[in-house]
Amino acid sequence: MKNLCVSALLLLFSIGISDAHKYEFFNAEKPKVLTADLNQPIIRSMFTRSLNGYFKHKCFWDIGMGGALPLLSITNDSEKLVSVNVLGDIKSRFIVGAHSFDLLNSDYTGGLNLLMKKAFSLPGDTEVSLIHTSSHLGDEVTIDSATYRYSRINYSREIIKALYHQSLPRNATHTFGAHYIIRKDPEIPHGRLALQYDISVPFKFMGGSLFANSDIQCNQEHNWNADVSLQISLRLGRETGQIFSQKLTLEFYDGYSRQGQFYDKRERYISLGIIAHI
């Protein structure tokens, strides 16, 4: 991971070595926000009802706090060519109905994001991220083993992601790309490659903005079975002039759990709540 970070910084230096390029710290363009991607570092507060799978008929409160902090931009004639952001978030799942609102699981993410505008003469934007994630079972679940019967594992991963963002007609956008797990613990099941496709389509609804979002990921370690996330979101408040872009969101997910401690278990659920990003 250290060597990869050094390589990324050297790449940035080589891009900006020309006198025509200028550096500007803490004013980078933010990476694209894929709200239907459950690994996206954003703000989430969602009530979740499990429909089937490992957590059948249980209720949860899923919360997340994270996003991107601008680090560096490289410009040419006032146009941002390259932006570097620091990514980070904390996601937690609490068990609704438990005697002390028990914490089931927490996931922690940190990384670097490189966003390139119209790289390699392509019309869209190219994004490369180096991400570390780790997961921890809640203390209540560990202590009350008679009720939960979940065993703690040492879960952590380093992942490199390459995504391409492109505009579609009617202000729709889509994203496609691949992930590769550089290091993972546990190492089983085997397989390190994943493919991703995400699409967002806006609609006008009662004077506001409605969004239909979906994300599909297929992982080699899960025999290329598709993980599908579908969302219908209504923007709350004005489109501009707000610190946070907030959306009331109805979400459906069917696939392998994105809770790190349960990464090899399938779940199907429906959620309702607020999603926001800076």
Foldseek 3Di string as FASTA:
>chain_A
DVVVVVVVVVVVCVVQVDPQKDKDFFDFDFDDAAPLPPPGQFWDWKWKAFPDWPQHGWIKTKTKHWGWTWGMFIDGPPHTFKTKIKTWMKIWIFTPPDPVRFTAKMKIKIWMKMKGDCPPVNNWIKMKIKMKMWMFGTPVCVVPCVPNVADFFGWMWIKIWIKTKDADPQRKIKMWTKMFTPDIPPCPPPFGIKIKIKIKHWDQDPNWIKIWIKMWMFTVRLVRDIKIKIKIWTWDDDPDDDPKTKIWIKMWIWAADPRRSRRVITTTMIITTMIIHD
